[in-house]
Amino acid sequence: MDTAALSPSPSPASGAEHAHVLTLACTNRKGIVHAVTGALLGVEADITESQQYDSPDTGDFFMRVEFVTPATREDIEQALAPVREEFGMRMGLWDAAQRMRTLVMCSKDGHTLNDLLFQQRAGTLPIEIPVVVSNHLDLQPLASFYGVPFIHVPVSKDPSSRDSKEAAEGRLRDLIAQFDIELVVLARYMQILSDELCRDLAGMAINIHHSFLPSFKGARPYHQAHERGVKLIGATAHYVTADLDEGPIIAQSVQPVTHAQTAADFVARGRDVEGSTLAQAVRWHAQHRVLADGRRTVVFS
């Protein structure tokens, strides 16, 4: 999501063409695109991709630009500073080649974790996973298979326990700082985060939810859906907020099902769609394609 100021990233050497991503949001008015492209022209930028959106509901303007330039980061920031000030922009600037450092949280179900780890290894996700955190030990062998450190952070329902929820979240905060984490992904992590932690992770934590099954709460939602004869199952990837499973939506997918399929078929199909939907959301976020528009998102896919 966009940031209030230009985001830090390593500065490339002057003279070498280097790719950047620029995102911005502000109240819509005439002259924004002209001002932005003019500033980029001033640093000899070659724009390779540009997308924009004017929200009819909020009156805000959103833009994402990919460009290459021999200019240093400092020169780019200096060129854009007057534009940002003139239009009151929330602006972000990133190194397009830099992979986003991502902490993945999981519990016992490993299908989404496996998908993220595999795609990271294959180079199809622009992320780096330096650590996997879980409240159970079940998925430690999976993380080890991919050579990723696994840290067990148990969570007890007893608030006086050394493994209380408060203590576990304190440990998580320490790990986020220790590993210089930019994104937290809840890959079927079956614990509810505290409101305070949700606020602290606003815009940098993504969850996956079988929310195309809203009528089926609690355990075994796909079995409940099978019993009711639903014709579509799907998943939603969204930003984590204090409102459980109601954060701004990033990606959604559905798959058709029929009466001829078993409950086990529903579970298998559901796992597939959860994995692909979460990976897509992570990809868009890591490519800085997702900008906040109130309780919704603008996704420049």
Protein backbone atom coordinates (compact mmCIF):
# COMPACT_ATOMS: atom_id res chain seq x y z
CA MET A 1 0.00 0.00 0.00
CA ASP A 2 1.16 3.56 -0.57
CA THR A 3 3.10 5.38 2.11
CA ALA A 4 3.08 8.94 3.39
CA ALA A 5 6.66 9.54 2.30
CA LEU A 6 9.11 8.15 -0.19
CA SER A 7 9.99 4.65 1.01
CA PRO A 8 13.63 3.74 1.62
CA SER A 9 15.51 1.38 -0.66
CA PRO A 10 19.14 1.08 -1.72
CA SER A 11 20.36 3.74 -4.13
CA PRO A 12 21.81 2.41 -7.40
CA ALA A 13 25.02 3.70 -8.83
CA SER A 14 24.62 6.73 -11.07
CA GLY A 15 24.93 6.05 -14.81
CA ALA A 16 23.44 2.53 -14.84
CA GLU A 17 19.84 2.12 -15.95
CA HIS A 18 17.83 0.99 -12.94
CA ALA A 19 14.12 0.12 -12.60
CA HIS A 20 11.85 1.77 -10.04
CA VAL A 21 8.19 1.69 -9.05
CA LEU A 22 6.39 4.90 -8.10
CA THR A 23 2.93 4.93 -6.48
CA LEU A 24 0.91 7.94 -5.48
CA ALA A 25 -2.51 8.96 -4.21
CA CYS A 26 -4.04 12.40 -3.73
CA THR A 27 -7.21 14.40 -4.26
CA ASN A 28 -7.92 14.48 -7.98
CA ARG A 29 -7.31 17.69 -9.89
CA LYS A 30 -6.01 18.72 -13.28
CA GLY A 31 -2.34 18.48 -14.06
CA ILE A 32 -1.28 15.50 -11.93
CA VAL A 33 -0.12 13.21 -14.74
CA HIS A 34 1.62 16.09 -16.52
CA ALA A 35 3.46 17.07 -13.35
CA VAL A 36 4.55 13.52 -12.51
CA THR A 37 5.72 12.60 -16.00
CA GLY A 38 7.46 15.95 -16.33
CA ALA A 39 9.40 15.35 -13.13
CA LEU A 40 10.42 11.89 -14.34
CA LEU A 41 11.47 13.30 -17.71
CA GLY A 42 13.75 15.64 -15.79
CA VAL A 43 15.73 12.63 -14.50
CA GLU A 44 15.85 10.99 -17.96
CA ALA A 45 13.30 8.35 -16.98
CA ASP A 46 11.86 5.97 -19.54
CA ILE A 47 8.34 4.97 -18.42
CA THR A 48 7.74 1.26 -19.08
CA GLU A 49 4.30 0.92 -17.45
CA SER A 50 1.76 3.45 -16.19
CA GLN A 51 -1.71 2.95 -14.73
CA GLN A 52 -4.06 5.43 -13.09
CA TYR A 53 -7.52 5.54 -11.54
CA ASP A 54 -9.87 8.34 -10.50
CA SER A 55 -12.24 7.15 -7.75
CA PRO A 56 -15.78 8.50 -8.32
CA ASP A 57 -16.68 7.69 -4.72
CA THR A 58 -13.83 9.40 -2.85
CA GLY A 59 -12.62 11.88 -5.45
CA ASP A 60 -9.09 10.55 -5.04
CA PHE A 61 -6.59 9.92 -7.81
CA PHE A 62 -4.28 6.88 -7.83
CA MET A 63 -1.30 6.18 -10.04
CA ARG A 64 1.42 3.55 -10.42
CA VAL A 65 4.41 4.05 -12.69
CA GLU A 66 7.30 1.74 -13.57
CA PHE A 67 10.32 3.45 -15.09
CA VAL A 68 14.03 3.07 -15.70
CA THR A 69 16.57 5.86 -15.28
CA PRO A 70 20.30 6.34 -14.81
CA ALA A 71 19.55 8.85 -12.03
CA THR A 72 20.22 8.08 -8.37
CA ARG A 73 17.42 7.63 -5.90
CA GLU A 74 18.32 10.95 -4.31
CA ASP A 75 17.95 12.72 -7.67
CA ILE A 76 14.55 11.08 -8.25
CA GLU A 77 13.33 12.11 -4.80
CA GLN A 78 14.51 15.67 -5.36
CA ALA A 79 12.70 15.86 -8.70
CA LEU A 80 9.44 14.51 -7.25
CA ALA A 81 9.45 16.52 -4.00
CA PRO A 82 7.85 19.70 -5.47
CA VAL A 83 5.13 17.61 -7.15
CA ARG A 84 4.37 15.76 -3.93
CA GLU A 85 4.12 19.01 -2.02
CA GLU A 86 2.00 20.79 -4.63
CA PHE A 87 -0.63 18.05 -4.79
CA GLY A 88 -0.41 16.78 -1.19
CA MET A 89 0.44 13.29 -2.39
CA ARG A 90 0.96 10.09 -0.48
CA MET A 91 3.86 8.74 -2.45
CA GLY A 92 6.03 5.62 -2.48
CA LEU A 93 9.22 4.92 -4.41
CA TRP A 94 10.76 1.46 -4.59
CA ASP A 95 13.58 -0.44 -6.23
CA ALA A 96 11.74 -2.72 -8.68
CA ALA A 97 14.36 -5.45 -8.34
CA GLN A 98 14.25 -5.66 -4.55
CA ARG A 99 12.34 -8.65 -3.18
CA MET A 100 10.04 -7.98 -0.25
CA ARG A 101 11.09 -9.60 3.04
CA THR A 102 8.12 -11.71 4.10
CA LEU A 103 7.34 -13.56 7.34
CA VAL A 104 4.85 -16.41 6.88
CA MET A 105 2.67 -17.58 9.77
CA CYS A 106 0.96 -20.97 9.72
CA SER A 107 -0.59 -23.60 11.98
CA LYS A 108 -1.16 -27.21 10.82
CA ASP A 109 -2.45 -26.95 7.24
CA GLY A 110 0.49 -26.54 4.87
CA HIS A 111 -0.98 -26.10 1.39
CA THR A 112 -0.71 -22.30 1.27
CA LEU A 113 2.70 -22.31 2.95
CA ASN A 114 3.98 -24.86 0.45
CA ASP A 115 2.72 -22.76 -2.46
CA LEU A 116 4.48 -19.63 -1.18
CA LEU A 117 7.75 -21.44 -0.46
CA PHE A 118 7.72 -23.19 -3.83
CA GLN A 119 7.03 -20.00 -5.77
CA GLN A 120 9.71 -18.14 -3.84
CA ARG A 121 12.23 -20.86 -4.78
CA ALA A 122 11.03 -20.88 -8.40
CA GLY A 123 11.36 -17.10 -8.62
CA THR A 124 7.70 -16.53 -9.52
CA LEU A 125 7.02 -14.44 -6.40
CA PRO A 126 9.06 -11.27 -5.79
CA ILE A 127 9.51 -12.05 -2.09
CA GLU A 128 12.18 -13.37 0.26
CA ILE A 129 10.99 -15.57 3.14
CA PRO A 130 13.69 -15.49 5.85
CA VAL A 131 11.55 -17.23 8.48
CA VAL A 132 8.35 -19.24 9.02
CA VAL A 133 6.52 -18.85 12.34
CA SER A 134 3.94 -21.31 13.67
CA ASN A 135 2.01 -22.05 16.85
CA HIS A 136 2.47 -25.78 16.12
CA LEU A 137 5.41 -27.96 15.07
CA ASP A 138 3.59 -29.85 12.30
CA LEU A 139 5.00 -27.86 9.38
CA GLN A 140 8.62 -27.68 10.53
CA PRO A 141 9.66 -30.46 8.09
CA LEU A 142 8.11 -28.52 5.19
CA ALA A 143 10.03 -25.35 6.03
CA SER A 144 13.21 -27.38 6.48
CA PHE A 145 12.73 -28.97 3.05
CA TYR A 146 12.91 -25.50 1.52
CA GLY A 147 15.81 -24.48 3.76
CA VAL A 148 13.83 -21.78 5.58
CA PRO A 149 14.23 -21.32 9.35
CA PHE A 150 11.17 -22.39 11.34
CA ILE A 151 10.37 -20.79 14.69
CA HIS A 152 7.80 -22.32 17.03
CA VAL A 153 5.80 -19.70 18.95
CA PRO A 154 3.16 -21.61 20.96
CA VAL A 155 -0.02 -19.84 22.04
CA SER A 156 -1.81 -20.76 25.27
CA LYS A 157 -5.38 -19.80 26.15
CA ASP A 158 -4.18 -19.19 29.71
CA PRO A 159 -3.38 -15.45 30.00
CA SER A 160 -1.03 -16.16 32.91
CA SER A 161 1.02 -18.68 30.91
CA ARG A 162 4.50 -17.86 29.58
CA ASP A 163 2.99 -18.79 26.20
CA SER A 164 0.00 -16.46 26.51
CA LYS A 165 -1.36 -14.69 23.45
CA GLU A 166 0.19 -11.43 24.63
CA ALA A 167 3.60 -13.09 25.04
CA ALA A 168 3.33 -14.78 21.64
CA GLU A 169 2.52 -11.50 19.93
CA GLY A 170 5.45 -9.88 21.71
CA ARG A 171 7.69 -12.59 20.30
CA LEU A 172 6.23 -12.00 16.84
CA ARG A 173 7.01 -8.28 17.08
CA ASP A 174 10.59 -9.16 18.01
CA LEU A 175 10.90 -11.46 14.98
CA ILE A 176 9.49 -8.81 12.64
CA ALA A 177 12.18 -6.40 13.84
CA GLN A 178 14.95 -9.03 13.91
CA PHE A 179 14.37 -10.18 10.33
CA ASP A 180 13.58 -6.69 8.96
CA ILE A 181 10.14 -7.86 7.81
CA GLU A 182 8.11 -5.81 5.33
CA LEU A 183 5.14 -8.17 4.89
CA VAL A 184 3.41 -10.70 7.17
CA VAL A 185 1.34 -13.44 5.52
CA LEU A 186 -1.17 -15.51 7.50
CA ALA A 187 -1.08 -18.76 5.55
CA ARG A 188 -3.94 -20.53 7.34
CA TYR A 189 -2.71 -19.31 10.72
CA MET A 190 -5.54 -20.35 13.02
CA GLN A 191 -5.16 -17.69 15.69
CA ILE A 192 -6.94 -14.34 15.91
CA LEU A 193 -4.54 -11.42 16.21
CA SER A 194 -5.21 -8.77 18.85
CA ASP A 195 -6.72 -5.45 17.77
CA GLU A 196 -3.50 -3.69 18.75
CA LEU A 197 -1.33 -5.95 16.60
CA CYS A 198 -3.76 -5.61 13.69
CA ARG A 199 -3.43 -1.84 13.88
CA ASP A 200 0.36 -2.05 14.05
CA LEU A 201 0.42 -4.31 10.97
CA ALA A 202 -2.08 -2.23 8.99
CA GLY A 203 -1.33 -2.46 5.29
CA MET A 204 1.47 -5.00 5.74
CA ALA A 205 -0.36 -8.21 6.75
CA ILE A 206 -2.36 -10.41 4.38
CA ASN A 207 -4.79 -13.21 5.29
CA ILE A 208 -6.53 -15.90 3.22
CA HIS A 209 -10.14 -16.79 3.97
CA HIS A 210 -12.73 -19.13 2.44
CA SER A 211 -15.12 -16.18 2.41
CA PHE A 212 -17.11 -17.35 -0.58
CA LEU A 213 -18.66 -19.66 2.01
CA PRO A 214 -20.07 -16.99 4.36
CA SER A 215 -22.98 -19.15 5.46
CA PHE A 216 -20.70 -21.83 6.84
CA LYS A 217 -18.98 -20.70 10.00
CA GLY A 218 -16.53 -22.59 12.14
CA ALA A 219 -14.89 -25.91 11.41
CA ARG A 220 -15.23 -27.98 8.22
CA PRO A 221 -16.76 -25.24 6.02
CA TYR A 222 -16.30 -27.26 2.82
CA HIS A 223 -18.17 -30.21 4.31
CA GLN A 224 -21.00 -27.84 5.29
CA ALA A 225 -21.01 -26.41 1.77
CA HIS A 226 -21.18 -29.91 0.29
CA GLU A 227 -24.18 -30.75 2.46
CA ARG A 228 -25.95 -27.59 1.25
CA GLY A 229 -25.21 -28.28 -2.41
CA VAL A 230 -23.36 -25.06 -3.26
CA LYS A 231 -22.25 -24.59 -6.87
CA LEU A 232 -19.26 -22.28 -6.32
CA ILE A 233 -16.46 -22.35 -3.78
CA GLY A 234 -13.73 -19.77 -3.51
CA ALA A 235 -11.37 -17.70 -1.42
CA THR A 236 -10.57 -14.10 -0.57
CA ALA A 237 -7.16 -12.63 0.24
CA HIS A 238 -7.39 -9.42 2.22
CA TYR A 239 -5.45 -7.11 4.48
CA VAL A 240 -5.66 -7.93 8.17
CA THR A 241 -7.74 -5.58 10.30
CA ALA A 242 -9.31 -5.70 13.76
CA ASP A 243 -12.60 -6.62 12.01
CA LEU A 244 -12.14 -10.37 11.58
CA ASP A 245 -11.99 -11.42 7.90
CA GLU A 246 -13.36 -8.03 6.82
CA GLY A 247 -10.20 -6.17 5.78
CA PRO A 248 -9.73 -4.50 2.37
CA ILE A 249 -9.90 -7.15 -0.34
CA ILE A 250 -6.88 -7.70 -2.60
CA ALA A 251 -7.80 -10.81 -4.61
CA GLN A 252 -10.72 -13.24 -4.95
CA SER A 253 -11.17 -16.45 -6.92
CA VAL A 254 -13.93 -19.03 -7.38
CA GLN A 255 -14.16 -22.56 -8.72
CA PRO A 256 -17.34 -24.33 -9.88
CA VAL A 257 -18.40 -27.53 -8.13
CA THR A 258 -21.23 -29.97 -8.77
CA HIS A 259 -23.44 -32.41 -6.92
CA ALA A 260 -21.26 -35.25 -8.24
CA GLN A 261 -18.25 -34.16 -6.21
CA THR A 262 -17.61 -35.39 -2.69
CA ALA A 263 -16.80 -33.36 0.41
CA ALA A 264 -13.18 -34.44 -0.06
CA ASP A 265 -13.28 -33.04 -3.60
CA PHE A 266 -14.56 -29.74 -2.17
CA VAL A 267 -11.67 -29.62 0.30
CA ALA A 268 -9.11 -30.32 -2.43
CA ARG A 269 -10.60 -27.72 -4.77
CA GLY A 270 -10.78 -25.24 -1.90
CA ARG A 271 -7.12 -25.75 -1.05
CA ASP A 272 -6.13 -25.12 -4.66
CA VAL A 273 -8.05 -21.88 -4.89
CA GLU A 274 -6.82 -20.69 -1.48
CA GLY A 275 -3.20 -21.24 -2.51
CA SER A 276 -3.47 -19.49 -5.87
CA THR A 277 -5.50 -16.58 -4.48
CA LEU A 278 -3.10 -15.92 -1.62
CA ALA A 279 -0.08 -16.11 -3.93
CA GLN A 280 -1.69 -13.63 -6.32
CA ALA A 281 -2.40 -11.18 -3.51
CA VAL A 282 1.17 -11.47 -2.21
CA ARG A 283 2.53 -10.95 -5.73
CA TRP A 284 0.47 -7.79 -6.28
CA HIS A 285 1.39 -6.40 -2.88
CA ALA A 286 5.10 -7.12 -3.35
CA GLN A 287 4.99 -5.42 -6.75
CA HIS A 288 3.38 -2.36 -5.11
CA ARG A 289 0.22 -2.73 -7.19
CA VAL A 290 -2.21 -2.33 -4.28
CA LEU A 291 -3.24 1.10 -2.98
CA ALA A 292 -5.77 1.86 -0.26
CA ASP A 293 -9.04 3.56 -1.19
CA GLY A 294 -10.93 3.83 2.09
CA ARG A 295 -12.10 0.34 3.04
CA ARG A 296 -11.38 -0.89 -0.47
CA THR A 297 -8.26 -1.27 -2.56
CA VAL A 298 -7.19 -0.13 -5.99
CA VAL A 299 -5.28 -2.99 -7.62
CA PHE A 300 -3.23 -2.15 -10.71
CA SER A 301 -3.02 -5.75 -11.91
